[in-house]
Protein backbone atom coordinates (compact mmCIF):
# COMPACT_ATOMS: atom_id res chain seq x y z
CA UNK A 1 -0.04 -0.13 0.02
CA UNK A 2 3.10 2.09 0.07
CA UNK A 3 2.67 2.93 -3.62
CA UNK A 4 -0.88 4.27 -3.14
CA UNK A 5 -0.16 6.62 -0.06
CA UNK A 6 1.89 8.83 -2.74
CA UNK A 7 -0.66 8.71 -4.96
CA UNK A 8 -4.56 8.70 -3.59
CA UNK A 9 -6.33 8.97 -7.23
CA UNK A 10 -4.32 5.55 -8.36
CA UNK A 11 -5.81 3.86 -5.15
CA UNK A 12 -9.47 5.45 -6.12
CA UNK A 13 -9.07 4.19 -9.62
CA UNK A 14 -8.06 0.90 -8.46
CA UNK A 15 -10.98 0.37 -5.95
CA UNK A 16 -13.43 1.80 -8.49
CA UNK A 17 -12.17 -0.78 -11.28
CA UNK A 18 -12.23 -3.51 -8.75
CA UNK A 19 -15.52 -2.59 -7.43
CA UNK A 20 -16.70 -2.59 -11.39
CA UNK A 21 -15.50 -5.59 -12.54
CA UNK A 22 -17.03 -7.47 -9.52
CA UNK A 23 -20.58 -5.86 -10.01
CA UNK A 24 -19.99 -7.12 -13.89
CA UNK A 25 -19.53 -10.58 -13.10
CA UNK A 26 -22.29 -10.66 -10.39
CA UNK A 27 -24.90 -9.42 -13.20
CA UNK A 28 -23.56 -11.88 -15.65
CA UNK A 29 -23.89 -14.33 -13.17
CA UNK A 30 -27.75 -13.53 -12.27
CA UNK A 31 -28.66 -13.36 -15.80
CA UNK A 32 -26.80 -16.45 -16.54
CA UNK A 33 -28.88 -18.51 -13.94
CA UNK A 34 -32.06 -16.70 -14.52
CA UNK A 35 -31.72 -17.51 -18.17
CA UNK A 36 -30.77 -21.35 -17.67
CA UNK A 37 -33.67 -21.96 -15.25
């Protein structure tokens, strides 16, 4: 985390990207489970 302390914007972008990716994967899993029923 030393890398992020010098650049908070990078940390924010990293967290936002991670959350967005997890959200997309979650929505994708929900859609697939609904379609498969």
